[in-house]
PDB file of N, CA and C in Angstrom:
ATOM      1  N   LYS A   1      95.651 127.575  82.388  1.00  0.00           N
ATOM      2  CA  LYS A   1      94.205 127.441  82.293  1.00  0.00           C
ATOM      3  C   LYS A   1      93.805 125.971  82.142  1.00  0.00           C
ATOM      4  N   GLU A   2      94.604 125.198  81.391  1.00  0.00           N
ATOM      5  CA  GLU A   2      94.275 123.785  81.191  1.00  0.00           C
ATOM      6  C   GLU A   2      94.315 123.018  82.503  1.00  0.00           C
ATOM      7  N   VAL A   3      95.293 123.305  83.341  1.00  0.00           N
ATOM      8  CA  VAL A   3      95.380 122.633  84.641  1.00  0.00           C
ATOM      9  C   VAL A   3      94.188 123.045  85.503  1.00  0.00           C
ATOM     10  N   ALA A   4      93.815 124.307  85.456  1.00  0.00           N
ATOM     11  CA  ALA A   4      92.653 124.783  86.208  1.00  0.00           C
ATOM     12  C   ALA A   4      91.398 124.024  85.783  1.00  0.00           C
ATOM     13  N   GLN A   5      91.240 123.815  84.487  1.00  0.00           N
ATOM     14  CA  GLN A   5      90.082 123.072  83.984  1.00  0.00           C
ATOM     15  C   GLN A   5      90.128 121.616  84.434  1.00  0.00           C
ATOM     16  N   ARG A   6      91.322 121.042  84.507  1.00  0.00           N
ATOM     17  CA  ARG A   6      91.461 119.657  84.967  1.00  0.00           C
ATOM     18  C   ARG A   6      91.144 119.532  86.456  1.00  0.00           C
ATOM     19  N   ILE A   7      91.517 120.524  87.236  1.00  0.00           N
ATOM     20  CA  ILE A   7      91.232 120.507  88.676  1.00  0.00           C
ATOM     21  C   ILE A   7      89.728 120.595  88.932  1.00  0.00           C
ATOM     22  N   CYS A   8      89.043 121.417  88.167  1.00  0.00           N
ATOM     23  CA  CYS A   8      87.628 121.708  88.418  1.00  0.00           C
ATOM     24  C   CYS A   8      86.653 120.866  87.594  1.00  0.00           C
ATOM     25  N   ALA A   9      87.146 119.963  86.772  1.00  0.00           N
ATOM     26  CA  ALA A   9      86.287 119.176  85.877  1.00  0.00           C
ATOM     27  C   ALA A   9      85.305 118.297  86.648  1.00  0.00           C
ATOM     28  N   GLN A  10      84.182 118.036  86.007  1.00  0.00           N
ATOM     29  CA  GLN A  10      83.129 117.187  86.563  1.00  0.00           C
ATOM     30  C   GLN A  10      83.035 115.890  85.760  1.00  0.00           C
ATOM     31  N   PRO A  11      82.432 114.836  86.338  1.00  0.00           N
ATOM     32  CA  PRO A  11      82.304 113.567  85.607  1.00  0.00           C
ATOM     33  C   PRO A  11      81.673 113.767  84.232  1.00  0.00           C
ATOM     34  N   GLY A  12      82.236 113.082  83.240  1.00  0.00           N
ATOM     35  CA  GLY A  12      81.727 113.165  81.876  1.00  0.00           C
ATOM     36  C   GLY A  12      82.392 114.239  81.035  1.00  0.00           C
ATOM     37  N   GLU A  13      83.084 115.181  81.655  1.00  0.00           N
ATOM     38  CA  GLU A  13      83.777 116.226  80.901  1.00  0.00           C
ATOM     39  C   GLU A  13      85.124 115.697  80.415  1.00  0.00           C
ATOM     40  N   ASP A  14      85.613 116.241  79.312  1.00  0.00           N
ATOM     41  CA  ASP A  14      86.873 115.785  78.718  1.00  0.00           C
ATOM     42  C   ASP A  14      88.054 115.880  79.678  1.00  0.00           C
ATOM     43  N   ASN A  15      88.087 116.907  80.502  1.00  0.00           N
ATOM     44  CA  ASN A  15      89.224 117.129  81.402  1.00  0.00           C
ATOM     45  C   ASN A  15      89.128 116.363  82.716  1.00  0.00           C
ATOM     46  N   TYR A  16      88.039 115.626  82.919  1.00  0.00           N
ATOM     47  CA  TYR A  16      87.831 114.907  84.183  1.00  0.00           C
ATOM     48  C   TYR A  16      88.816 113.762  84.298  1.00  0.00           C
ATOM     49  N   GLY A  17      89.546 113.758  85.396  1.00  0.00           N
ATOM     50  CA  GLY A  17      90.533 112.710  85.613  1.00  0.00           C
ATOM     51  C   GLY A  17      90.898 112.624  87.077  1.00  0.00           C
ATOM     52  N   ARG A  18      92.022 112.005  87.312  1.00  0.00           N
ATOM     53  CA  ARG A  18      92.501 111.761  88.664  1.00  0.00           C
ATOM     54  C   ARG A  18      92.645 113.053  89.475  1.00  0.00           C
ATOM     55  N   LEU A  19      93.200 114.075  88.845  1.00  0.00           N
ATOM     56  CA  LEU A  19      93.395 115.356  89.524  1.00  0.00           C
ATOM     57  C   LEU A  19      92.059 115.938  89.993  1.00  0.00           C
ATOM     58  N   ALA A  20      91.039 115.876  89.157  1.00  0.00           N
ATOM     59  CA  ALA A  20      89.715 116.391  89.520  1.00  0.00           C
ATOM     60  C   ALA A  20      89.101 115.586  90.659  1.00  0.00           C
ATOM     61  N   VAL A  21      89.210 114.265  90.590  1.00  0.00           N
ATOM     62  CA  VAL A  21      88.634 113.414  91.638  1.00  0.00           C
ATOM     63  C   VAL A  21      89.266 113.735  92.986  1.00  0.00           C
ATOM     64  N   LEU A  22      90.588 113.725  93.038  1.00  0.00           N
ATOM     65  CA  LEU A  22      91.277 113.944  94.311  1.00  0.00           C
ATOM     66  C   LEU A  22      91.106 115.379  94.816  1.00  0.00           C
ATOM     67  N   SER A  23      91.167 116.355  93.921  1.00  0.00           N
ATOM     68  CA  SER A  23      91.005 117.761  94.326  1.00  0.00           C
ATOM     69  C   SER A  23      89.609 118.021  94.879  1.00  0.00           C
ATOM     70  N   ASN A  24      88.598 117.560  94.151  1.00  0.00           N
ATOM     71  CA  ASN A  24      87.217 117.814  94.561  1.00  0.00           C
ATOM     72  C   ASN A  24      86.782 116.950  95.741  1.00  0.00           C
ATOM     73  N   TRP A  25      87.480 115.864  95.980  1.00  0.00           N
ATOM     74  CA  TRP A  25      87.199 115.032  97.153  1.00  0.00           C
ATOM     75  C   TRP A  25      87.581 115.795  98.426  1.00  0.00           C
ATOM     76  N   LEU A  26      88.681 116.540  98.357  1.00  0.00           N
ATOM     77  CA  LEU A  26      89.202 117.237  99.535  1.00  0.00           C
ATOM     78  C   LEU A  26      88.824 118.714  99.620  1.00  0.00           C
ATOM     79  N   ALA A  27      88.400 119.307  98.502  1.00  0.00           N
ATOM     80  CA  ALA A  27      88.138 120.750  98.496  1.00  0.00           C
ATOM     81  C   ALA A  27      87.036 121.108  97.508  1.00  0.00           C
ATOM     82  N   GLU A  28      86.434 122.254  97.744  1.00  0.00           N
ATOM     83  CA  GLU A  28      85.512 122.816  96.758  1.00  0.00           C
ATOM     84  C   GLU A  28      86.373 123.606  95.787  1.00  0.00           C
ATOM     85  N   THR A  29      86.240 123.316  94.503  1.00  0.00           N
ATOM     86  CA  THR A  29      87.092 123.964  93.507  1.00  0.00           C
ATOM     87  C   THR A  29      86.259 124.852  92.588  1.00  0.00           C
ATOM     88  N   LYS A  30      86.883 125.935  92.150  1.00  0.00           N
ATOM     89  CA  LYS A  30      86.191 126.845  91.238  1.00  0.00           C
ATOM     90  C   LYS A  30      87.222 127.661  90.472  1.00  0.00           C
ATOM     91  N   ILE A  31      87.023 127.773  89.155  1.00  0.00           N
ATOM     92  CA  ILE A  31      87.849 128.690  88.363  1.00  0.00           C
ATOM     93  C   ILE A  31      87.268 130.080  88.588  1.00  0.00           C
ATOM     94  N   GLU A  32      88.066 130.953  89.176  1.00  0.00           N
ATOM     95  CA  GLU A  32      87.584 132.295  89.502  1.00  0.00           C
ATOM     96  C   GLU A  32      87.582 133.208  88.277  1.00  0.00           C
ATOM     97  N   PHE A  33      88.718 133.251  87.566  1.00  0.00           N
ATOM     98  CA  PHE A  33      88.800 134.076  86.360  1.00  0.00           C
ATOM     99  C   PHE A  33      90.069 133.748  85.593  1.00  0.00           C
ATOM    100  N   ASP A  34      90.071 134.107  84.323  1.00  0.00           N
ATOM    101  CA  ASP A  34      91.251 133.943  83.479  1.00  0.00           C
ATOM    102  C   ASP A  34      92.163 135.152  83.653  1.00  0.00           C
ATOM    103  N   VAL A  35      93.453 134.907  83.490  1.00  0.00           N
ATOM    104  CA  VAL A  35      94.446 135.975  83.561  1.00  0.00           C
ATOM    105  C   VAL A  35      95.085 136.075  82.182  1.00  0.00           C
ATOM    106  N   PRO A  36      94.892 137.201  81.490  1.00  0.00           N
ATOM    107  CA  PRO A  36      95.442 137.316  80.140  1.00  0.00           C
ATOM    108  C   PRO A  36      96.971 137.326  80.134  1.00  0.00           C
ATOM    109  N   ALA A  37      97.536 136.871  79.055  1.00  0.00           N
ATOM    110  CA  ALA A  37      98.992 136.764  78.920  1.00  0.00           C
ATOM    111  C   ALA A  37      99.690 138.120  79.038  1.00  0.00           C
ATOM    112  N   ASP A  38      99.023 139.197  78.630  1.00  0.00           N
ATOM    113  CA  ASP A  38      99.689 140.503  78.602  1.00  0.00           C
ATOM    114  C   ASP A  38      99.940 141.118  79.985  1.00  0.00           C
ATOM    115  N   VAL A  39      99.487 140.487  81.052  1.00  0.00           N
ATOM    116  CA  VAL A  39      99.787 141.011  82.387  1.00  0.00           C
ATOM    117  C   VAL A  39     101.113 140.470  82.926  1.00  0.00           C
ATOM    118  N   PHE A  40     101.739 139.555  82.189  1.00  0.00           N
ATOM    119  CA  PHE A  40     103.029 138.993  82.570  1.00  0.00           C
ATOM    120  C   PHE A  40     104.133 139.559  81.690  1.00  0.00           C
ATOM    121  N   VAL A  41     105.346 139.625  82.227  1.00  0.00           N
ATOM    122  CA  VAL A  41     106.503 140.062  81.447  1.00  0.00           C
ATOM    123  C   VAL A  41     107.577 138.997  81.584  1.00  0.00           C
ATOM    124  N   PRO A  42     107.998 138.384  80.518  1.00  0.00           N
ATOM    125  CA  PRO A  42     107.407 138.430  79.178  1.00  0.00           C
ATOM    126  C   PRO A  42     106.084 137.665  79.159  1.00  0.00           C
ATOM    127  N   PRO A  43     105.212 138.010  78.225  1.00  0.00           N
ATOM    128  CA  PRO A  43     103.908 137.338  78.172  1.00  0.00           C
ATOM    129  C   PRO A  43     104.053 135.879  77.734  1.00  0.00           C
ATOM    130  N   PRO A  44     103.452 134.944  78.483  1.00  0.00           N
ATOM    131  CA  PRO A  44     103.520 133.535  78.084  1.00  0.00           C
ATOM    132  C   PRO A  44     102.629 133.280  76.874  1.00  0.00           C
ATOM    133  N   LYS A  45     102.790 132.128  76.282  1.00  0.00           N
ATOM    134  CA  LYS A  45     101.985 131.780  75.109  1.00  0.00           C
ATOM    135  C   LYS A  45     100.722 131.024  75.500  1.00  0.00           C
ATOM    136  N   VAL A  46     100.379 131.102  76.774  1.00  0.00           N
ATOM    137  CA  VAL A  46      99.178 130.430  77.274  1.00  0.00           C
ATOM    138  C   VAL A  46      98.344 131.414  78.089  1.00  0.00           C
ATOM    139  N   THR A  47      97.082 131.077  78.274  1.00  0.00           N
ATOM    140  CA  THR A  47      96.219 131.854  79.156  1.00  0.00           C
ATOM    141  C   THR A  47      96.262 131.202  80.527  1.00  0.00           C
ATOM    142  N   SER A  48      96.374 132.004  81.549  1.00  0.00           N
ATOM    143  CA  SER A  48      96.402 131.490  82.916  1.00  0.00           C
ATOM    144  C   SER A  48      95.019 131.634  83.538  1.00  0.00           C
ATOM    145  N   ALA A  49      94.815 130.959  84.649  1.00  0.00           N
ATOM    146  CA  ALA A  49      93.546 131.061  85.365  1.00  0.00           C
ATOM    147  C   ALA A  49      93.814 130.989  86.860  1.00  0.00           C
ATOM    148  N   ILE A  50      92.958 131.644  87.607  1.00  0.00           N
ATOM    149  CA  ILE A  50      93.019 131.603  89.061  1.00  0.00           C
ATOM    150  C   ILE A  50      91.960 130.607  89.539  1.00  0.00           C
ATOM    151  N   VAL A  51      92.403 129.666  90.365  1.00  0.00           N
ATOM    152  CA  VAL A  51      91.513 128.633  90.897  1.00  0.00           C
ATOM    153  C   VAL A  51      91.424 128.800  92.404  1.00  0.00           C
ATOM    154  N   SER A  52      90.215 128.714  92.933  1.00  0.00           N
ATOM    155  CA  SER A  52      90.082 128.690  94.393  1.00  0.00           C
ATOM    156  C   SER A  52      89.849 127.248  94.824  1.00  0.00           C
ATOM    157  N   LEU A  53      90.553 126.876  95.886  1.00  0.00           N
ATOM    158  CA  LEU A  53      90.396 125.559  96.501  1.00  0.00           C
ATOM    159  C   LEU A  53      90.049 125.807  97.962  1.00  0.00           C
ATOM    160  N   ILE A  54      88.816 125.559  98.319  1.00  0.00           N
ATOM    161  CA  ILE A  54      88.380 125.759  99.695  1.00  0.00           C
ATOM    162  C   ILE A  54      88.301 124.381 100.349  1.00  0.00           C
ATOM    163  N   PRO A  55      89.212 124.118 101.303  1.00  0.00           N
ATOM    164  CA  PRO A  55      89.236 122.790 101.928  1.00  0.00           C
ATOM    165  C   PRO A  55      87.886 122.436 102.562  1.00  0.00           C
ATOM    166  N   ARG A  56      87.483 121.203 102.357  1.00  0.00           N
ATOM    167  CA  ARG A  56      86.254 120.715 102.987  1.00  0.00           C
ATOM    168  C   ARG A  56      86.556 120.377 104.447  1.00  0.00           C
ATOM    169  N   GLU A  57      85.577 120.565 105.299  1.00  0.00           N
ATOM    170  CA  GLU A  57      85.751 120.189 106.706  1.00  0.00           C
ATOM    171  C   GLU A  57      86.007 118.686 106.801  1.00  0.00           C
ATOM    172  N   HIS A  58      85.291 117.936 105.972  1.00  0.00           N
ATOM    173  CA  HIS A  58      85.470 116.485 105.869  1.00  0.00           C
ATOM    174  C   HIS A  58      85.483 116.145 104.386  1.00  0.00           C
ATOM    175  N   PRO A  59      86.240 115.116 103.983  1.00  0.00           N
ATOM    176  CA  PRO A  59      86.220 114.725 102.566  1.00  0.00           C
ATOM    177  C   PRO A  59      84.789 114.460 102.095  1.00  0.00           C
ATOM    178  N   LEU A  60      84.571 114.587 100.806  1.00  0.00           N
ATOM    179  CA  LEU A  60      83.241 114.444 100.209  1.00  0.00           C
ATOM    180  C   LEU A  60      82.589 113.108 100.559  1.00  0.00           C
ATOM    181  N   ALA A  61      83.373 112.040 100.608  1.00  0.00           N
ATOM    182  CA  ALA A  61      82.875 110.713 100.982  1.00  0.00           C
ATOM    183  C   ALA A  61      84.002 109.981 101.704  1.00  0.00           C
ATOM    184  N   GLU A  62      83.637 108.975 102.480  1.00  0.00           N
ATOM    185  CA  GLU A  62      84.635 108.243 103.257  1.00  0.00           C
ATOM    186  C   GLU A  62      85.498 107.369 102.352  1.00  0.00           C
ATOM    187  N   ALA A  63      86.808 107.526 102.491  1.00  0.00           N
ATOM    188  CA  ALA A  63      87.777 106.696 101.764  1.00  0.00           C
ATOM    189  C   ALA A  63      89.163 106.978 102.325  1.00  0.00           C
ATOM    190  N   ASP A  64      90.045 106.017 102.160  1.00  0.00           N
ATOM    191  CA  ASP A  64      91.439 106.167 102.558  1.00  0.00           C
ATOM    192  C   ASP A  64      92.187 106.836 101.400  1.00  0.00           C
ATOM    193  N   LEU A  65      92.938 107.901 101.677  1.00  0.00           N
ATOM    194  CA  LEU A  65      93.626 108.657 100.627  1.00  0.00           C
ATOM    195  C   LEU A  65      94.538 107.775  99.787  1.00  0.00           C
ATOM    196  N   SER A  66      95.356 106.980 100.429  1.00  0.00           N
ATOM    197  CA  SER A  66      96.300 106.128  99.701  1.00  0.00           C
ATOM    198  C   SER A  66      95.576 105.152  98.772  1.00  0.00           C
ATOM    199  N   THR A  67      94.502 104.556  99.266  1.00  0.00           N
ATOM    200  CA  THR A  67      93.725 103.614  98.453  1.00  0.00           C
ATOM    201  C   THR A  67      93.048 104.344  97.301  1.00  0.00           C
ATOM    202  N   LEU A  68      92.465 105.504  97.582  1.00  0.00           N
ATOM    203  CA  LEU A  68      91.798 106.280  96.537  1.00  0.00           C
ATOM    204  C   LEU A  68      92.791 106.692  95.453  1.00  0.00           C
ATOM    205  N   GLU A  69      94.001 107.072  95.847  1.00  0.00           N
ATOM    206  CA  GLU A  69      95.037 107.423  94.863  1.00  0.00           C
ATOM    207  C   GLU A  69      95.343 106.235  93.954  1.00  0.00           C
ATOM    208  N   LYS A  70      95.460 105.050  94.535  1.00  0.00           N
ATOM    209  CA  LYS A  70      95.786 103.859  93.741  1.00  0.00           C
ATOM    210  C   LYS A  70      94.636 103.450  92.831  1.00  0.00           C
ATOM    211  N   VAL A  71      93.415 103.551  93.330  1.00  0.00           N
ATOM    212  CA  VAL A  71      92.244 103.198  92.517  1.00  0.00           C
ATOM    213  C   VAL A  71      92.102 104.166  91.345  1.00  0.00           C
ATOM    214  N   THR A  72      92.260 105.461  91.601  1.00  0.00           N
ATOM    215  CA  THR A  72      92.143 106.429  90.503  1.00  0.00           C
ATOM    216  C   THR A  72      93.300 106.292  89.522  1.00  0.00           C
ATOM    217  N   ALA A  73      94.490 105.959  90.016  1.00  0.00           N
ATOM    218  CA  ALA A  73      95.637 105.747  89.116  1.00  0.00           C
ATOM    219  C   ALA A  73      95.363 104.579  88.179  1.00  0.00           C
ATOM    220  N   ALA A  74      94.828 103.494  88.715  1.00  0.00           N
ATOM    221  CA  ALA A  74      94.519 102.326  87.881  1.00  0.00           C
ATOM    222  C   ALA A  74      93.380 102.640  86.917  1.00  0.00           C
ATOM    223  N   ALA A  75      92.341 103.289  87.413  1.00  0.00           N
ATOM    224  CA  ALA A  75      91.164 103.566  86.585  1.00  0.00           C
ATOM    225  C   ALA A  75      91.466 104.531  85.444  1.00  0.00           C
ATOM    226  N   PHE A  76      92.228 105.581  85.735  1.00  0.00           N
ATOM    227  CA  PHE A  76      92.519 106.579  84.704  1.00  0.00           C
ATOM    228  C   PHE A  76      93.811 106.292  83.951  1.00  0.00           C
ATOM    229  N   GLY A  77      94.570 105.300  84.392  1.00  0.00           N
ATOM    230  CA  GLY A  77      95.833 104.968  83.735  1.00  0.00           C
ATOM    231  C   GLY A  77      95.651 104.460  82.318  1.00  0.00           C
ATOM    232  N   GLN A  78      94.524 103.833  82.075  1.00  0.00           N
ATOM    233  CA  GLN A  78      94.184 103.344  80.735  1.00  0.00           C
ATOM    234  C   GLN A  78      92.822 103.935  80.411  1.00  0.00           C
ATOM    235  N   ARG A  79      92.835 105.193  80.070  1.00  0.00           N
ATOM    236  CA  ARG A  79      91.645 106.038  80.017  1.00  0.00           C
ATOM    237  C   ARG A  79      90.468 105.483  79.222  1.00  0.00           C
ATOM    238  N   ARG A  80      90.678 104.923  78.081  1.00  0.00           N
ATOM    239  CA  ARG A  80      89.562 104.488  77.240  1.00  0.00           C
ATOM    240  C   ARG A  80      89.127 103.050  77.519  1.00  0.00           C
ATOM    241  N   LYS A  81      89.738 102.412  78.508  1.00  0.00           N
ATOM    242  CA  LYS A  81      89.354 101.037  78.833  1.00  0.00           C
ATOM    243  C   LYS A  81      88.179 101.022  79.802  1.00  0.00           C
ATOM    244  N   MET A  82      87.439  99.921  79.742  1.00  0.00           N
ATOM    245  CA  MET A  82      86.361  99.731  80.705  1.00  0.00           C
ATOM    246  C   MET A  82      86.974  99.462  82.078  1.00  0.00           C
ATOM    247  N   LEU A  83      86.239  99.805  83.112  1.00  0.00           N
ATOM    248  CA  LEU A  83      86.743  99.654  84.478  1.00  0.00           C
ATOM    249  C   LEU A  83      87.136  98.222  84.810  1.00  0.00           C
ATOM    250  N   ARG A  84      86.379  97.247  84.320  1.00  0.00           N
ATOM    251  CA  ARG A  84      86.715  95.856  84.654  1.00  0.00           C
ATOM    252  C   ARG A  84      88.106  95.492  84.167  1.00  0.00           C
ATOM    253  N   ALA A  85      88.539  96.102  83.057  1.00  0.00           N
ATOM    254  CA  ALA A  85      89.882  95.838  82.526  1.00  0.00           C
ATOM    255  C   ALA A  85      90.938  96.678  83.242  1.00  0.00           C
ATOM    256  N   SER A  86      90.663  97.959  83.440  1.00  0.00           N
ATOM    257  CA  SER A  86      91.682  98.829  84.040  1.00  0.00           C
ATOM    258  C   SER A  86      91.942  98.494  85.507  1.00  0.00           C
ATOM    259  N   LEU A  87      90.959  97.955  86.206  1.00  0.00           N
ATOM    260  CA  LEU A  87      91.144  97.628  87.622  1.00  0.00           C
ATOM    261  C   LEU A  87      91.715  96.229  87.842  1.00  0.00           C
ATOM    262  N   LYS A  88      91.912  95.474  86.765  1.00  0.00           N
ATOM    263  CA  LYS A  88      92.494  94.129  86.903  1.00  0.00           C
ATOM    264  C   LYS A  88      93.911  94.179  87.447  1.00  0.00           C
ATOM    265  N   GLN A  89      94.598  95.306  87.292  1.00  0.00           N
ATOM    266  CA  GLN A  89      95.946  95.413  87.855  1.00  0.00           C
ATOM    267  C   GLN A  89      95.913  95.432  89.385  1.00  0.00           C
ATOM    268  N   ILE A  90      94.748  95.706  89.954  1.00  0.00           N
ATOM    269  CA  ILE A  90      94.590  95.657  91.408  1.00  0.00           C
ATOM    270  C   ILE A  90      94.159  94.256  91.844  1.00  0.00           C
ATOM    271  N   THR A  91      93.155  93.711  91.159  1.00  0.00           N
ATOM    272  CA  THR A  91      92.664  92.369  91.478  1.00  0.00           C
ATOM    273  C   THR A  91      91.957  91.757  90.273  1.00  0.00           C
ATOM    274  N   ASN A  92      92.052  90.454  90.152  1.00  0.00           N
ATOM    275  CA  ASN A  92      91.328  89.750  89.089  1.00  0.00           C
ATOM    276  C   ASN A  92      89.836  89.670  89.383  1.00  0.00           C
ATOM    277  N   GLU A  93      89.444  90.041  90.587  1.00  0.00           N
ATOM    278  CA  GLU A  93      88.033  90.030  90.979  1.00  0.00           C
ATOM    279  C   GLU A  93      87.370  91.389  90.742  1.00  0.00           C
ATOM    280  N   SER A  94      87.970  92.219  89.902  1.00  0.00           N
ATOM    281  CA  SER A  94      87.478  93.586  89.703  1.00  0.00           C
ATOM    282  C   SER A  94      86.019  93.624  89.251  1.00  0.00           C
ATOM    283  N   GLU A  95      85.637  92.736  88.349  1.00  0.00           N
ATOM    284  CA  GLU A  95      84.260  92.760  87.844  1.00  0.00           C
ATOM    285  C   GLU A  95      83.264  92.458  88.965  1.00  0.00           C
ATOM    286  N   THR A  96      83.556  91.468  89.774  1.00  0.00           N
ATOM    287  CA  THR A  96      82.682  91.107  90.898  1.00  0.00           C
ATOM    288  C   THR A  96      82.572  92.261  91.891  1.00  0.00           C
ATOM    289  N   ILE A  97      83.689  92.904  92.166  1.00  0.00           N
ATOM    290  CA  ILE A  97      83.697  94.019  93.118  1.00  0.00           C
ATOM    291  C   ILE A  97      82.920  95.209  92.563  1.00  0.00           C
ATOM    292  N   LEU A  98      83.088  95.498  91.288  1.00  0.00           N
ATOM    293  CA  LEU A  98      82.330  96.590  90.670  1.00  0.00           C
ATOM    294  C   LEU A  98      80.828  96.332  90.790  1.00  0.00           C
ATOM    295  N   ILE A  99      80.411  95.114  90.494  1.00  0.00           N
ATOM    296  CA  ILE A  99      78.990  94.764  90.583  1.00  0.00           C
ATOM    297  C   ILE A  99      78.499  94.911  92.025  1.00  0.00           C
ATOM    298  N   SER A 100      79.313  94.478  92.995  1.00  0.00           N
ATOM    299  CA  SER A 100      78.915  94.594  94.407  1.00  0.00           C
ATOM    300  C   SER A 100      78.790  96.057  94.844  1.00  0.00           C
ATOM    301  N   CYS A 101      79.466  96.951  94.137  1.00  0.00           N
ATOM    302  CA  CYS A 101      79.386  98.394  94.420  1.00  0.00           C
ATOM    303  C   CYS A 101      78.308  99.087  93.583  1.00  0.00           C
ATOM    304  N   ASN A 102      77.514  98.294  92.861  1.00  0.00           N
ATOM    305  CA  ASN A 102      76.475  98.827  91.962  1.00  0.00           C
ATOM    306  C   ASN A 102      77.055  99.722  90.871  1.00  0.00           C
ATOM    307  N   ILE A 103      78.230  99.341  90.379  1.00  0.00           N
ATOM    308  CA  ILE A 103      78.876 100.059  89.280  1.00  0.00           C
ATOM    309  C   ILE A 103      78.981  99.096  88.106  1.00  0.00           C
ATOM    310  N   ASP A 104      78.460  99.495  86.971  1.00  0.00           N
ATOM    311  CA  ASP A 104      78.514  98.672  85.762  1.00  0.00           C
ATOM    312  C   ASP A 104      79.972  98.484  85.356  1.00  0.00           C
ATOM    313  N   PRO A 105      80.455  97.240  85.268  1.00  0.00           N
ATOM    314  CA  PRO A 105      81.860  96.986  84.918  1.00  0.00           C
ATOM    315  C   PRO A 105      82.263  97.480  83.530  1.00  0.00           C
ATOM    316  N   THR A 106      81.280  97.780  82.671  1.00  0.00           N
ATOM    317  CA  THR A 106      81.614  98.260  81.325  1.00  0.00           C
ATOM    318  C   THR A 106      81.747  99.786  81.269  1.00  0.00           C
ATOM    319  N   ARG A 107      81.503 100.453  82.396  1.00  0.00           N
ATOM    320  CA  ARG A 107      81.673 101.914  82.418  1.00  0.00           C
ATOM    321  C   ARG A 107      83.146 102.273  82.340  1.00  0.00           C
ATOM    322  N   ARG A 108      83.408 103.499  81.971  1.00  0.00           N
ATOM    323  CA  ARG A 108      84.770 104.020  81.920  1.00  0.00           C
ATOM    324  C   ARG A 108      84.976 104.976  83.102  1.00  0.00           C
ATOM    325  N   ALA A 109      86.226 105.130  83.493  1.00  0.00           N
ATOM    326  CA  ALA A 109      86.558 105.926  84.681  1.00  0.00           C
ATOM    327  C   ALA A 109      85.991 107.341  84.621  1.00  0.00           C
ATOM    328  N   GLU A 110      86.001 107.941  83.446  1.00  0.00           N
ATOM    329  CA  GLU A 110      85.577 109.342  83.342  1.00  0.00           C
ATOM    330  C   GLU A 110      84.084 109.549  83.588  1.00  0.00           C
ATOM    331  N   THR A 111      83.308 108.457  83.749  1.00  0.00           N
ATOM    332  CA  THR A 111      81.871 108.590  84.013  1.00  0.00           C
ATOM    333  C   THR A 111      81.529 108.436  85.494  1.00  0.00           C
ATOM    334  N   LEU A 112      82.484 108.017  86.320  1.00  0.00           N
ATOM    335  CA  LEU A 112      82.216 107.790  87.741  1.00  0.00           C
ATOM    336  C   LEU A 112      82.264 109.087  88.537  1.00  0.00           C
ATOM    337  N   THR A 113      81.387 109.182  89.515  1.00  0.00           N
ATOM    338  CA  THR A 113      81.409 110.329  90.421  1.00  0.00           C
ATOM    339  C   THR A 113      82.494 110.109  91.479  1.00  0.00           C
ATOM    340  N   ILE A 114      82.771 111.140  92.230  1.00  0.00           N
ATOM    341  CA  ILE A 114      83.737 111.021  93.319  1.00  0.00           C
ATOM    342  C   ILE A 114      83.228 110.013  94.347  1.00  0.00           C
ATOM    343  N   GLU A 115      81.928 110.046  94.613  1.00  0.00           N
ATOM    344  CA  GLU A 115      81.343 109.092  95.555  1.00  0.00           C
ATOM    345  C   GLU A 115      81.525 107.661  95.059  1.00  0.00           C
ATOM    346  N   ASP A 116      81.366 107.438  93.737  1.00  0.00           N
ATOM    347  CA  ASP A 116      81.593 106.101  93.157  1.00  0.00           C
ATOM    348  C   ASP A 116      83.027 105.647  93.408  1.00  0.00           C
ATOM    349  N   PHE A 117      83.985 106.544  93.186  1.00  0.00           N
ATOM    350  CA  PHE A 117      85.393 106.194  93.407  1.00  0.00           C
ATOM    351  C   PHE A 117      85.658 105.870  94.878  1.00  0.00           C
ATOM    352  N   CYS A 118      85.024 106.594  95.778  1.00  0.00           N
ATOM    353  CA  CYS A 118      85.207 106.332  97.208  1.00  0.00           C
ATOM    354  C   CYS A 118      84.614 104.980  97.594  1.00  0.00           C
ATOM    355  N   THR A 119      83.444 104.658  97.059  1.00  0.00           N
ATOM    356  CA  THR A 119      82.829 103.345  97.297  1.00  0.00           C
ATOM    357  C   THR A 119      83.754 102.247  96.806  1.00  0.00           C
ATOM    358  N   LEU A 120      84.297 102.441  95.626  1.00  0.00           N
ATOM    359  CA  LEU A 120      85.213 101.470  95.030  1.00  0.00           C
ATOM    360  C   LEU A 120      86.494 101.346  95.858  1.00  0.00           C
ATOM    361  N   ALA A 121      87.014 102.457  96.332  1.00  0.00           N
ATOM    362  CA  ALA A 121      88.234 102.435  97.153  1.00  0.00           C
ATOM    363  C   ALA A 121      88.005 101.656  98.447  1.00  0.00           C
ATOM    364  N   ARG A 122      86.847 101.852  99.060  1.00  0.00           N
ATOM    365  CA  ARG A 122      86.547 101.100 100.288  1.00  0.00           C
ATOM    366  C   ARG A 122      86.467  99.603  99.993  1.00  0.00           C
ATOM    367  N   ALA A 123      85.863  99.236  98.862  1.00  0.00           N
ATOM    368  CA  ALA A 123      85.717  97.819  98.503  1.00  0.00           C
ATOM    369  C   ALA A 123      87.050  97.185  98.110  1.00  0.00           C
ATOM    370  N   LEU A 124      87.942  97.973  97.514  1.00  0.00           N
ATOM    371  CA  LEU A 124      89.221  97.435  97.033  1.00  0.00           C
ATOM    372  C   LEU A 124      90.356  97.550  98.053  1.00  0.00           C
ATOM    373  N   LYS A 125      90.097  98.186  99.177  1.00  0.00           N
ATOM    374  CA  LYS A 125      91.157  98.444 100.167  1.00  0.00           C
ATOM    375  C   LYS A 125      91.926  97.184 100.558  1.00  0.00           C
ATOM    376  N   GLU A 126      91.241  96.069 100.720  1.00  0.00           N
ATOM    377  CA  GLU A 126      91.923  94.838 101.150  1.00  0.00           C
ATOM    378  C   GLU A 126      92.827  94.253 100.068  1.00  0.00           C
ATOM    379  N   TYR A 127      92.667  94.690  98.824  1.00  0.00           N
ATOM    380  CA  TYR A 127      93.483  94.174  97.715  1.00  0.00           C
ATOM    381  C   TYR A 127      94.713  95.029  97.454  1.00  0.00           C
ATOM    382  N   ILE A 128      94.765  96.191  98.090  1.00  0.00           N
ATOM    383  CA  ILE A 128      95.852  97.137  97.803  1.00  0.00           C
ATOM    384  C   ILE A 128      96.895  97.096  98.906  1.00  0.00           C
TER     385      ILE A 128
END
């Protein structure tokens, strides 16, 4: 169930991270229902969930997959840091690039939308 929540999380939610960004960029995600432990033999000590992933005809926003993976890895790799600090591992010009993308450099990764990450990936592509 925890992985299902991480896949389907939205910006600002506790479970929102790299998995949610990449999953929702490529597919429409939804937790369909929980599966109680007693339907398994032996019953696990966790609750399971069924998730539907419906592939999008086109990704939610334009971005290169490899670049988006690297940008989200850097952004979420140091979760409580501001973006200007976490993206410095990609380039020392991270603050300037964030501003050029209309993203406040003091924001944290968990507040960015998928579209924000795609904009950032396009801007950072030449540095990766």
